[in-house]
């Protein structure tokens, strides 16, 4: 799209907003009108207080200040992100059953990275648990290429107050209490 706009002499949002709508419509049809309306701040959508009745996921991502090439550096970022995701989940009284990890490189012309997720046997909002899974996903799928962006999310959320514990899964620091 950038190349097409550049060829039309459109370099800024102001240029796009001042371009005749008919010119954009003839070039891209409905999409031409959409970008013209956005550039001019026109949106007839009603303002709503709440667009979703329930939250679908809790996630966070970080664009790094430089390419990270060492696994330990990326693990520190994963821990930081997991800490924030789990803090927000606990604050909202939620737990997640799916942990997702996204990793991207900086070169958009030669994209690298992945997006993978793991379904947990039991929902959690515990940072240590989520981080352990996120690091495992990272190490299973990272190809060693430089990383510029990392994201982690919890989905398939459930209310933390109504979680059903299985007494067969209860553990102490010394191992299972019941076998």
N, C-alpha and C. Protein backbone atom coordinates (compact mmCIF):
# COMPACT_ATOMS: atom_id res chain seq x y z
N UNK A 1 0.82 -1.18 0.00
CA UNK A 1 0.00 0.00 0.00
C UNK A 1 0.88 1.26 0.00
N UNK A 2 1.96 1.21 0.77
CA UNK A 2 2.87 2.36 0.84
C UNK A 2 3.38 2.75 -0.55
N UNK A 3 3.76 1.75 -1.33
CA UNK A 3 4.28 2.03 -2.67
C UNK A 3 3.23 2.67 -3.56
N UNK A 4 1.98 2.17 -3.46
CA UNK A 4 0.90 2.73 -4.27
C UNK A 4 0.61 4.18 -3.87
N UNK A 5 0.56 4.44 -2.57
CA UNK A 5 0.31 5.80 -2.10
C UNK A 5 1.44 6.73 -2.53
N UNK A 6 2.67 6.24 -2.42
CA UNK A 6 3.84 7.04 -2.78
C UNK A 6 3.77 7.44 -4.26
N UNK A 7 3.38 6.48 -5.13
CA UNK A 7 3.27 6.76 -6.57
C UNK A 7 2.19 7.80 -6.86
N UNK A 8 1.18 7.87 -5.98
CA UNK A 8 0.10 8.84 -6.15
C UNK A 8 0.47 10.20 -5.55
N UNK A 9 1.68 10.30 -4.97
CA UNK A 9 2.10 11.56 -4.36
C UNK A 9 1.59 11.74 -2.94
N UNK A 10 1.09 10.68 -2.34
CA UNK A 10 0.55 10.74 -0.97
C UNK A 10 1.66 10.29 -0.01
N UNK A 11 2.13 11.24 0.80
CA UNK A 11 3.25 10.97 1.71
C UNK A 11 2.85 11.05 3.18
N UNK A 12 1.74 11.76 3.46
CA UNK A 12 1.32 11.96 4.85
C UNK A 12 -0.18 11.69 4.98
N UNK A 13 -0.64 11.62 6.21
CA UNK A 13 -2.08 11.47 6.46
C UNK A 13 -2.82 12.69 5.90
N UNK A 14 -2.20 13.87 6.04
CA UNK A 14 -2.80 15.09 5.49
C UNK A 14 -2.99 14.96 3.98
N UNK A 15 -1.95 14.45 3.28
CA UNK A 15 -2.06 14.23 1.83
C UNK A 15 -3.22 13.30 1.51
N UNK A 16 -3.33 12.23 2.30
CA UNK A 16 -4.39 11.25 2.08
C UNK A 16 -5.76 11.88 2.33
N UNK A 17 -5.87 12.64 3.40
CA UNK A 17 -7.15 13.30 3.73
C UNK A 17 -7.55 14.29 2.66
N UNK A 18 -6.58 14.95 2.02
CA UNK A 18 -6.87 15.96 0.99
C UNK A 18 -7.01 15.39 -0.41
N UNK A 19 -6.77 14.09 -0.57
CA UNK A 19 -6.93 13.45 -1.88
C UNK A 19 -8.42 13.31 -2.16
N UNK A 20 -8.85 13.64 -3.39
CA UNK A 20 -10.28 13.49 -3.70
C UNK A 20 -10.74 12.05 -3.49
N UNK A 21 -11.88 11.93 -2.82
CA UNK A 21 -12.44 10.61 -2.53
C UNK A 21 -12.66 9.81 -3.82
N UNK A 22 -13.09 10.48 -4.87
CA UNK A 22 -13.35 9.79 -6.14
C UNK A 22 -12.08 9.12 -6.69
N UNK A 23 -10.93 9.77 -6.50
CA UNK A 23 -9.66 9.21 -6.97
C UNK A 23 -9.32 7.93 -6.20
N UNK A 24 -9.52 7.95 -4.90
CA UNK A 24 -9.23 6.77 -4.09
C UNK A 24 -10.24 5.65 -4.36
N UNK A 25 -11.50 6.04 -4.54
CA UNK A 25 -12.54 5.04 -4.84
C UNK A 25 -12.27 4.36 -6.17
N UNK A 26 -11.84 5.13 -7.16
CA UNK A 26 -11.59 4.52 -8.48
C UNK A 26 -10.37 3.59 -8.42
N UNK A 27 -9.42 3.88 -7.55
CA UNK A 27 -8.21 3.06 -7.43
C UNK A 27 -8.48 1.78 -6.62
N UNK A 28 -9.20 1.91 -5.47
CA UNK A 28 -9.35 0.77 -4.55
C UNK A 28 -10.79 0.45 -4.17
N UNK A 29 -11.76 1.11 -4.77
CA UNK A 29 -13.15 0.81 -4.45
C UNK A 29 -13.48 1.19 -3.01
N UNK A 30 -14.17 0.28 -2.32
CA UNK A 30 -14.60 0.52 -0.95
C UNK A 30 -13.40 0.77 -0.04
N UNK A 31 -12.32 0.05 -0.24
CA UNK A 31 -11.12 0.25 0.59
C UNK A 31 -10.56 1.66 0.44
N UNK A 32 -10.67 2.24 -0.74
CA UNK A 32 -10.25 3.62 -0.94
C UNK A 32 -11.05 4.58 -0.08
N UNK A 33 -12.36 4.32 -0.01
CA UNK A 33 -13.21 5.16 0.84
C UNK A 33 -12.88 4.96 2.32
N UNK A 34 -12.61 3.73 2.71
CA UNK A 34 -12.28 3.44 4.11
C UNK A 34 -11.04 4.21 4.54
N UNK A 35 -9.96 4.16 3.74
CA UNK A 35 -8.74 4.85 4.16
C UNK A 35 -8.92 6.37 4.13
N UNK A 36 -9.75 6.87 3.20
CA UNK A 36 -10.02 8.31 3.16
C UNK A 36 -10.80 8.74 4.40
N UNK A 37 -11.80 7.93 4.79
CA UNK A 37 -12.60 8.26 5.99
C UNK A 37 -11.73 8.22 7.24
N UNK A 38 -10.86 7.24 7.36
CA UNK A 38 -9.97 7.15 8.52
C UNK A 38 -9.04 8.36 8.55
N UNK A 39 -8.49 8.72 7.41
CA UNK A 39 -7.58 9.87 7.34
C UNK A 39 -8.28 11.17 7.73
N UNK A 40 -9.59 11.24 7.48
CA UNK A 40 -10.36 12.44 7.81
C UNK A 40 -11.06 12.34 9.16
N UNK A 41 -10.81 11.25 9.89
CA UNK A 41 -11.41 11.11 11.22
C UNK A 41 -12.91 10.91 11.20
N UNK A 42 -13.43 10.32 10.15
CA UNK A 42 -14.87 10.11 10.02
C UNK A 42 -15.23 8.67 10.38
N UNK A 43 -16.11 8.51 11.35
CA UNK A 43 -16.55 7.19 11.77
C UNK A 43 -17.96 7.32 12.32
N UNK A 44 -18.92 6.68 11.65
CA UNK A 44 -20.31 6.76 12.08
C UNK A 44 -20.70 5.67 13.07
N UNK A 45 -19.73 4.88 13.52
CA UNK A 45 -20.04 3.82 14.47
C UNK A 45 -20.52 4.42 15.78
N UNK A 46 -21.52 3.79 16.38
CA UNK A 46 -22.00 4.31 17.67
C UNK A 46 -20.94 4.09 18.76
N UNK A 47 -20.88 5.00 19.68
CA UNK A 47 -19.97 4.87 20.82
C UNK A 47 -20.64 3.93 21.81
N UNK A 48 -19.93 2.87 22.19
CA UNK A 48 -20.48 1.92 23.15
C UNK A 48 -19.57 1.82 24.36
N UNK A 49 -20.16 1.55 25.49
CA UNK A 49 -19.40 1.43 26.72
C UNK A 49 -18.67 0.11 26.77
N UNK A 50 -19.35 -0.97 26.41
CA UNK A 50 -18.76 -2.30 26.51
C UNK A 50 -19.09 -3.08 25.25
N UNK A 51 -18.07 -3.45 24.49
CA UNK A 51 -18.31 -4.16 23.24
C UNK A 51 -18.33 -5.67 23.41
N UNK A 52 -17.79 -6.16 24.52
CA UNK A 52 -17.76 -7.61 24.76
C UNK A 52 -18.32 -7.90 26.14
N UNK A 53 -19.11 -8.95 26.21
CA UNK A 53 -19.69 -9.28 27.51
C UNK A 53 -18.66 -9.97 28.42
N UNK A 54 -17.75 -10.72 27.84
CA UNK A 54 -16.72 -11.36 28.65
C UNK A 54 -15.37 -11.23 27.97
N UNK A 55 -14.34 -11.15 28.78
CA UNK A 55 -12.99 -11.01 28.25
C UNK A 55 -12.53 -12.35 27.70
N UNK A 56 -11.90 -12.34 26.52
CA UNK A 56 -11.47 -13.56 25.85
C UNK A 56 -10.06 -13.98 26.25
N UNK A 57 -9.18 -12.99 26.45
CA UNK A 57 -7.82 -13.33 26.83
C UNK A 57 -7.16 -12.15 27.54
N UNK A 58 -6.03 -12.44 28.16
CA UNK A 58 -5.21 -11.42 28.80
C UNK A 58 -3.81 -11.62 28.26
N UNK A 59 -3.27 -10.59 27.63
CA UNK A 59 -1.96 -10.72 27.04
C UNK A 59 -1.16 -9.45 27.15
N UNK A 60 0.11 -9.59 26.85
CA UNK A 60 1.00 -8.44 26.84
C UNK A 60 2.13 -8.76 25.87
N UNK A 61 2.69 -7.73 25.29
CA UNK A 61 3.80 -7.90 24.39
C UNK A 61 4.80 -6.78 24.58
N UNK A 62 5.99 -7.01 24.08
CA UNK A 62 7.04 -6.02 24.22
C UNK A 62 7.88 -5.98 22.95
N UNK A 63 8.02 -4.77 22.40
CA UNK A 63 8.95 -4.57 21.30
C UNK A 63 10.28 -4.18 21.93
N UNK A 64 11.31 -4.91 21.61
CA UNK A 64 12.60 -4.73 22.26
C UNK A 64 13.38 -3.58 21.62
N UNK A 65 14.25 -2.93 22.38
CA UNK A 65 14.98 -1.78 21.86
C UNK A 65 16.03 -2.14 20.81
N UNK A 66 16.36 -3.43 20.73
CA UNK A 66 17.34 -3.92 19.76
C UNK A 66 17.05 -5.40 19.54
N UNK A 67 17.72 -5.99 18.57
CA UNK A 67 17.58 -7.43 18.36
C UNK A 67 18.22 -8.17 19.53
N UNK A 68 17.47 -9.12 20.10
CA UNK A 68 18.02 -9.98 21.15
C UNK A 68 18.39 -11.30 20.50
N UNK A 69 19.60 -11.77 20.77
CA UNK A 69 20.09 -13.00 20.13
C UNK A 69 20.43 -14.09 21.14
N UNK A 70 20.45 -13.76 22.40
CA UNK A 70 20.79 -14.73 23.45
C UNK A 70 19.51 -15.23 24.11
N UNK A 71 19.40 -16.54 24.29
CA UNK A 71 18.20 -17.12 24.89
C UNK A 71 17.93 -16.55 26.28
N UNK A 72 18.98 -16.35 27.08
CA UNK A 72 18.76 -15.87 28.44
C UNK A 72 18.16 -14.46 28.44
N UNK A 73 18.53 -13.63 27.45
CA UNK A 73 17.97 -12.28 27.37
C UNK A 73 16.46 -12.36 27.08
N UNK A 74 16.10 -13.25 26.19
CA UNK A 74 14.70 -13.40 25.80
C UNK A 74 13.90 -14.01 26.95
N UNK A 75 14.52 -14.91 27.71
CA UNK A 75 13.85 -15.49 28.87
C UNK A 75 13.53 -14.42 29.92
N UNK A 76 14.40 -13.45 30.09
CA UNK A 76 14.14 -12.35 31.03
C UNK A 76 12.91 -11.57 30.56
N UNK A 77 12.81 -11.33 29.27
CA UNK A 77 11.66 -10.62 28.71
C UNK A 77 10.39 -11.44 28.92
N UNK A 78 10.46 -12.75 28.66
CA UNK A 78 9.31 -13.62 28.85
C UNK A 78 8.84 -13.57 30.31
N UNK A 79 9.78 -13.63 31.25
CA UNK A 79 9.41 -13.55 32.68
C UNK A 79 8.72 -12.23 32.98
N UNK A 80 9.24 -11.14 32.46
CA UNK A 80 8.65 -9.82 32.69
C UNK A 80 7.22 -9.76 32.15
N UNK A 81 7.02 -10.28 30.96
CA UNK A 81 5.69 -10.27 30.34
C UNK A 81 4.73 -11.18 31.11
N UNK A 82 5.20 -12.38 31.47
CA UNK A 82 4.35 -13.31 32.22
C UNK A 82 3.93 -12.72 33.56
N UNK A 83 4.85 -12.01 34.20
CA UNK A 83 4.54 -11.37 35.48
C UNK A 83 3.38 -10.39 35.32
N UNK A 84 3.42 -9.58 34.27
CA UNK A 84 2.36 -8.60 34.04
C UNK A 84 1.05 -9.28 33.66
N UNK A 85 1.10 -10.29 32.79
CA UNK A 85 -0.12 -10.99 32.37
C UNK A 85 -0.79 -11.65 33.58
N UNK A 86 -0.02 -12.34 34.39
CA UNK A 86 -0.60 -13.04 35.54
C UNK A 86 -1.08 -12.06 36.62
N UNK A 87 -0.38 -10.95 36.78
CA UNK A 87 -0.83 -9.93 37.74
C UNK A 87 -2.20 -9.41 37.32
N UNK A 88 -2.37 -9.13 36.03
CA UNK A 88 -3.66 -8.63 35.54
C UNK A 88 -4.75 -9.69 35.66
N UNK A 89 -4.39 -10.96 35.41
CA UNK A 89 -5.38 -12.04 35.54
C UNK A 89 -5.84 -12.16 36.99
N UNK A 90 -4.89 -12.13 37.92
CA UNK A 90 -5.27 -12.22 39.34
C UNK A 90 -6.10 -11.01 39.77
N UNK A 91 -5.73 -9.84 39.27
CA UNK A 91 -6.45 -8.61 39.60
C UNK A 91 -7.91 -8.70 39.14
N UNK A 92 -8.14 -9.37 38.01
CA UNK A 92 -9.49 -9.51 37.48
C UNK A 92 -10.19 -10.78 37.99
N UNK A 93 -9.48 -11.57 38.81
CA UNK A 93 -10.08 -12.80 39.34
C UNK A 93 -10.24 -13.87 38.29
N UNK A 94 -9.29 -13.95 37.34
CA UNK A 94 -9.39 -14.91 36.24
C UNK A 94 -8.17 -15.82 36.19
N UNK A 95 -8.35 -16.97 35.56
CA UNK A 95 -7.27 -17.91 35.28
C UNK A 95 -7.41 -18.34 33.82
N UNK A 96 -6.29 -18.77 33.22
CA UNK A 96 -6.33 -19.19 31.84
C UNK A 96 -5.92 -20.64 31.66
N UNK A 97 -6.49 -21.28 30.64
CA UNK A 97 -6.18 -22.67 30.33
C UNK A 97 -5.28 -22.82 29.12
N UNK A 98 -5.01 -21.72 28.41
CA UNK A 98 -4.15 -21.76 27.23
C UNK A 98 -3.10 -20.66 27.36
N UNK A 99 -1.83 -21.05 27.19
CA UNK A 99 -0.72 -20.09 27.18
C UNK A 99 -0.24 -19.98 25.73
N UNK A 100 -0.17 -18.74 25.24
CA UNK A 100 0.30 -18.48 23.87
C UNK A 100 1.56 -17.64 23.92
N UNK A 101 2.49 -17.94 23.01
CA UNK A 101 3.73 -17.17 22.90
C UNK A 101 3.91 -16.76 21.45
N UNK A 102 4.23 -15.48 21.24
CA UNK A 102 4.54 -14.95 19.92
C UNK A 102 5.93 -14.36 19.95
N UNK A 103 6.71 -14.67 18.92
CA UNK A 103 8.06 -14.13 18.79
C UNK A 103 8.22 -13.67 17.34
N UNK A 104 8.77 -12.45 17.16
CA UNK A 104 8.99 -11.91 15.82
C UNK A 104 10.38 -11.32 15.72
N UNK A 105 10.93 -11.40 14.51
CA UNK A 105 12.20 -10.74 14.23
C UNK A 105 11.97 -9.31 13.78
N UNK A 106 13.04 -8.59 13.52
CA UNK A 106 12.94 -7.18 13.16
C UNK A 106 12.87 -6.95 11.65
N UNK A 107 13.27 -7.92 10.86
CA UNK A 107 13.33 -7.75 9.41
C UNK A 107 11.99 -8.13 8.79
N UNK A 108 11.18 -7.12 8.43
CA UNK A 108 9.86 -7.39 7.89
C UNK A 108 9.92 -7.93 6.46
N UNK A 109 11.04 -7.71 5.77
CA UNK A 109 11.19 -8.25 4.42
C UNK A 109 11.47 -9.75 4.44
N UNK A 110 12.06 -10.23 5.52
CA UNK A 110 12.34 -11.66 5.71
C UNK A 110 11.85 -12.06 7.10
N UNK A 111 10.52 -12.23 7.25
CA UNK A 111 9.95 -12.46 8.57
C UNK A 111 10.44 -13.75 9.22
N UNK A 112 10.72 -13.66 10.50
CA UNK A 112 11.06 -14.83 11.29
C UNK A 112 10.20 -14.80 12.54
N UNK A 113 10.13 -15.93 13.20
CA UNK A 113 9.37 -16.00 14.44
C UNK A 113 8.29 -17.06 14.38
N UNK A 114 7.42 -17.03 15.37
CA UNK A 114 6.36 -18.03 15.48
C UNK A 114 5.28 -17.53 16.42
N UNK A 115 4.15 -18.20 16.37
CA UNK A 115 3.07 -18.02 17.36
C UNK A 115 2.57 -19.42 17.68
N UNK A 116 2.72 -19.83 18.92
CA UNK A 116 2.30 -21.18 19.34
C UNK A 116 1.58 -21.08 20.67
N UNK A 117 0.77 -22.09 20.93
CA UNK A 117 0.04 -22.13 22.19
C UNK A 117 -0.01 -23.55 22.74
N UNK A 118 -0.20 -23.63 24.04
CA UNK A 118 -0.30 -24.92 24.73
C UNK A 118 -1.54 -24.89 25.62
N UNK A 119 -2.33 -25.95 25.55
CA UNK A 119 -3.50 -26.11 26.41
C UNK A 119 -3.04 -26.76 27.71
N UNK A 120 -3.38 -26.15 28.83
CA UNK A 120 -3.00 -26.66 30.14
C UNK A 120 -4.05 -27.64 30.65
N UNK A 121 -3.63 -28.56 31.51
CA UNK A 121 -4.60 -29.48 32.08
C UNK A 121 -5.47 -28.78 33.12
N UNK A 122 -4.93 -27.77 33.78
CA UNK A 122 -5.68 -26.99 34.76
C UNK A 122 -5.41 -25.50 34.54
N UNK A 123 -6.45 -24.67 34.68
CA UNK A 123 -6.22 -23.23 34.50
C UNK A 123 -5.33 -22.67 35.61
N UNK A 124 -4.63 -21.58 35.28
CA UNK A 124 -3.75 -20.96 36.27
C UNK A 124 -3.62 -19.47 36.02
N UNK A 125 -3.18 -18.77 37.04
CA UNK A 125 -2.79 -17.37 36.93
C UNK A 125 -1.50 -17.15 37.72
N UNK A 126 -0.78 -18.24 37.94
CA UNK A 126 0.46 -18.21 38.71
C UNK A 126 1.63 -17.94 37.76
N UNK A 127 2.37 -16.89 38.05
CA UNK A 127 3.45 -16.45 37.17
C UNK A 127 4.46 -17.55 36.89
N UNK A 128 4.89 -18.26 37.93
CA UNK A 128 5.91 -19.30 37.75
C UNK A 128 5.42 -20.38 36.78
N UNK A 129 4.17 -20.78 36.91
CA UNK A 129 3.62 -21.82 36.04
C UNK A 129 3.52 -21.34 34.58
N UNK A 130 2.98 -20.15 34.40
CA UNK A 130 2.81 -19.61 33.04
C UNK A 130 4.19 -19.39 32.40
N UNK A 131 5.13 -18.87 33.18
CA UNK A 131 6.46 -18.59 32.64
C UNK A 131 7.17 -19.89 32.24
N UNK A 132 7.01 -20.93 33.03
CA UNK A 132 7.65 -22.21 32.70
C UNK A 132 7.13 -22.73 31.36
N UNK A 133 5.81 -22.65 31.15
CA UNK A 133 5.21 -23.10 29.89
C UNK A 133 5.67 -22.20 28.74
N UNK A 134 5.65 -20.88 28.96
CA UNK A 134 6.04 -19.93 27.91
C UNK A 134 7.49 -20.15 27.49
N UNK A 135 8.38 -20.38 28.45
CA UNK A 135 9.79 -20.64 28.12
C UNK A 135 9.94 -21.95 27.35
N UNK A 136 9.16 -22.95 27.75
CA UNK A 136 9.22 -24.23 27.04
C UNK A 136 8.78 -24.06 25.59
N UNK A 137 7.68 -23.32 25.38
CA UNK A 137 7.21 -23.05 24.01
C UNK A 137 8.31 -22.31 23.23
N UNK A 138 8.89 -21.30 23.87
CA UNK A 138 9.95 -20.52 23.21
C UNK A 138 11.09 -21.42 22.76
N UNK A 139 11.60 -22.25 23.66
CA UNK A 139 12.75 -23.09 23.32
C UNK A 139 12.42 -24.16 22.28
N UNK A 140 11.17 -24.63 22.27
CA UNK A 140 10.77 -25.64 21.28
C UNK A 140 10.70 -25.07 19.87
N UNK A 141 10.38 -23.76 19.75
CA UNK A 141 10.08 -23.22 18.43
C UNK A 141 11.04 -22.13 17.95
N UNK A 142 11.89 -21.61 18.81
CA UNK A 142 12.81 -20.55 18.39
C UNK A 142 13.87 -21.13 17.47
N UNK A 143 14.10 -20.47 16.35
CA UNK A 143 15.08 -20.94 15.37
C UNK A 143 16.45 -20.29 15.53
N UNK A 144 16.65 -19.53 16.60
CA UNK A 144 17.93 -18.90 16.86
C UNK A 144 18.11 -17.56 16.17
N UNK A 145 17.12 -17.15 15.36
CA UNK A 145 17.19 -15.86 14.68
C UNK A 145 16.98 -14.72 15.69
N UNK A 146 17.51 -13.54 15.40
CA UNK A 146 17.32 -12.40 16.31
C UNK A 146 15.84 -12.12 16.57
N UNK A 147 15.53 -11.73 17.80
CA UNK A 147 14.15 -11.47 18.22
C UNK A 147 14.00 -9.98 18.52
N UNK A 148 12.92 -9.39 18.01
CA UNK A 148 12.64 -7.98 18.28
C UNK A 148 11.34 -7.79 19.05
N UNK A 149 10.42 -8.77 18.97
CA UNK A 149 9.14 -8.63 19.68
C UNK A 149 8.77 -9.96 20.30
N UNK A 150 8.25 -9.88 21.54
CA UNK A 150 7.82 -11.06 22.28
C UNK A 150 6.45 -10.77 22.87
N UNK A 151 5.55 -11.74 22.80
CA UNK A 151 4.22 -11.60 23.40
C UNK A 151 3.81 -12.88 24.09
N UNK A 152 3.07 -12.75 25.17
CA UNK A 152 2.53 -13.89 25.91
C UNK A 152 1.08 -13.58 26.26
N UNK A 153 0.21 -14.57 26.15
CA UNK A 153 -1.18 -14.36 26.56
C UNK A 153 -1.76 -15.61 27.20
N UNK A 154 -2.77 -15.37 28.03
CA UNK A 154 -3.57 -16.43 28.65
C UNK A 154 -4.96 -16.34 28.03
N UNK A 155 -5.50 -17.47 27.60
CA UNK A 155 -6.86 -17.47 27.05
C UNK A 155 -7.63 -18.66 27.62
N UNK A 156 -8.84 -18.84 27.10
CA UNK A 156 -9.81 -19.77 27.68
C UNK A 156 -9.89 -19.49 29.17
N UNK A 157 -10.30 -18.26 29.45
CA UNK A 157 -10.33 -17.76 30.82
C UNK A 157 -11.51 -18.31 31.60
N UNK A 158 -11.28 -18.50 32.89
CA UNK A 158 -12.34 -18.92 33.79
C UNK A 158 -12.20 -18.12 35.08
N UNK A 159 -13.28 -18.10 35.84
CA UNK A 159 -13.30 -17.37 37.09
C UNK A 159 -12.45 -18.10 38.12
N UNK A 160 -11.54 -17.40 38.74
CA UNK A 160 -10.64 -18.02 39.73
C UNK A 160 -11.39 -18.44 40.99
N UNK A 161 -12.54 -17.82 41.26
CA UNK A 161 -13.30 -18.15 42.47
C UNK A 161 -14.03 -19.47 42.37
N UNK A 162 -14.29 -19.94 41.16
CA UNK A 162 -15.09 -21.16 41.00
C UNK A 162 -14.27 -22.34 40.51
N UNK A 163 -12.98 -22.28 40.69
CA UNK A 163 -12.11 -23.35 40.21
C UNK A 163 -12.29 -24.59 41.08
N UNK A 164 -12.46 -25.73 40.43
CA UNK A 164 -12.65 -27.01 41.12
C UNK A 164 -11.30 -27.70 41.27
N UNK A 165 -10.83 -27.82 42.50
CA UNK A 165 -9.58 -28.53 42.75
C UNK A 165 -9.81 -30.03 42.78
N UNK A 166 -8.87 -30.76 42.22
CA UNK A 166 -8.91 -32.20 42.31
C UNK A 166 -8.01 -32.61 43.46
N UNK A 167 -8.55 -33.36 44.42
CA UNK A 167 -7.72 -33.74 45.55
C UNK A 167 -6.60 -34.69 45.13
N UNK A 168 -6.69 -35.27 43.94
CA UNK A 168 -5.62 -36.12 43.44
C UNK A 168 -4.44 -35.29 42.94
N UNK A 169 -4.66 -34.00 42.73
CA UNK A 169 -3.61 -33.13 42.22
C UNK A 169 -2.98 -32.27 43.32
N UNK A 170 -3.50 -32.36 44.55
CA UNK A 170 -2.99 -31.52 45.63
C UNK A 170 -1.57 -31.95 45.95
N UNK A 171 -0.67 -30.98 46.04
CA UNK A 171 0.73 -31.28 46.28
C UNK A 171 1.27 -30.41 47.42
N UNK A 172 2.28 -30.91 48.05
CA UNK A 172 3.01 -30.10 49.01
C UNK A 172 4.40 -29.88 48.42
N UNK A 173 5.23 -29.19 49.16
CA UNK A 173 6.61 -28.99 48.68
C UNK A 173 7.38 -30.30 48.59
N UNK A 174 6.96 -31.28 49.31
CA UNK A 174 7.64 -32.58 49.32
C UNK A 174 7.02 -33.59 48.37
N UNK A 175 6.04 -33.17 47.60
CA UNK A 175 5.42 -34.08 46.65
C UNK A 175 3.93 -34.20 46.92
N UNK A 176 3.27 -35.17 46.25
CA UNK A 176 1.81 -35.31 46.40
C UNK A 176 1.43 -35.66 47.83
N UNK A 177 0.32 -35.06 48.33
CA UNK A 177 -0.21 -35.41 49.63
C UNK A 177 -1.04 -36.68 49.54
N UNK A 178 -1.71 -36.85 48.40
CA UNK A 178 -2.57 -38.02 48.19
C UNK A 178 -2.17 -38.66 46.88
N UNK A 179 -2.07 -39.95 46.88
CA UNK A 179 -1.70 -40.65 45.63
C UNK A 179 -2.82 -41.52 45.15
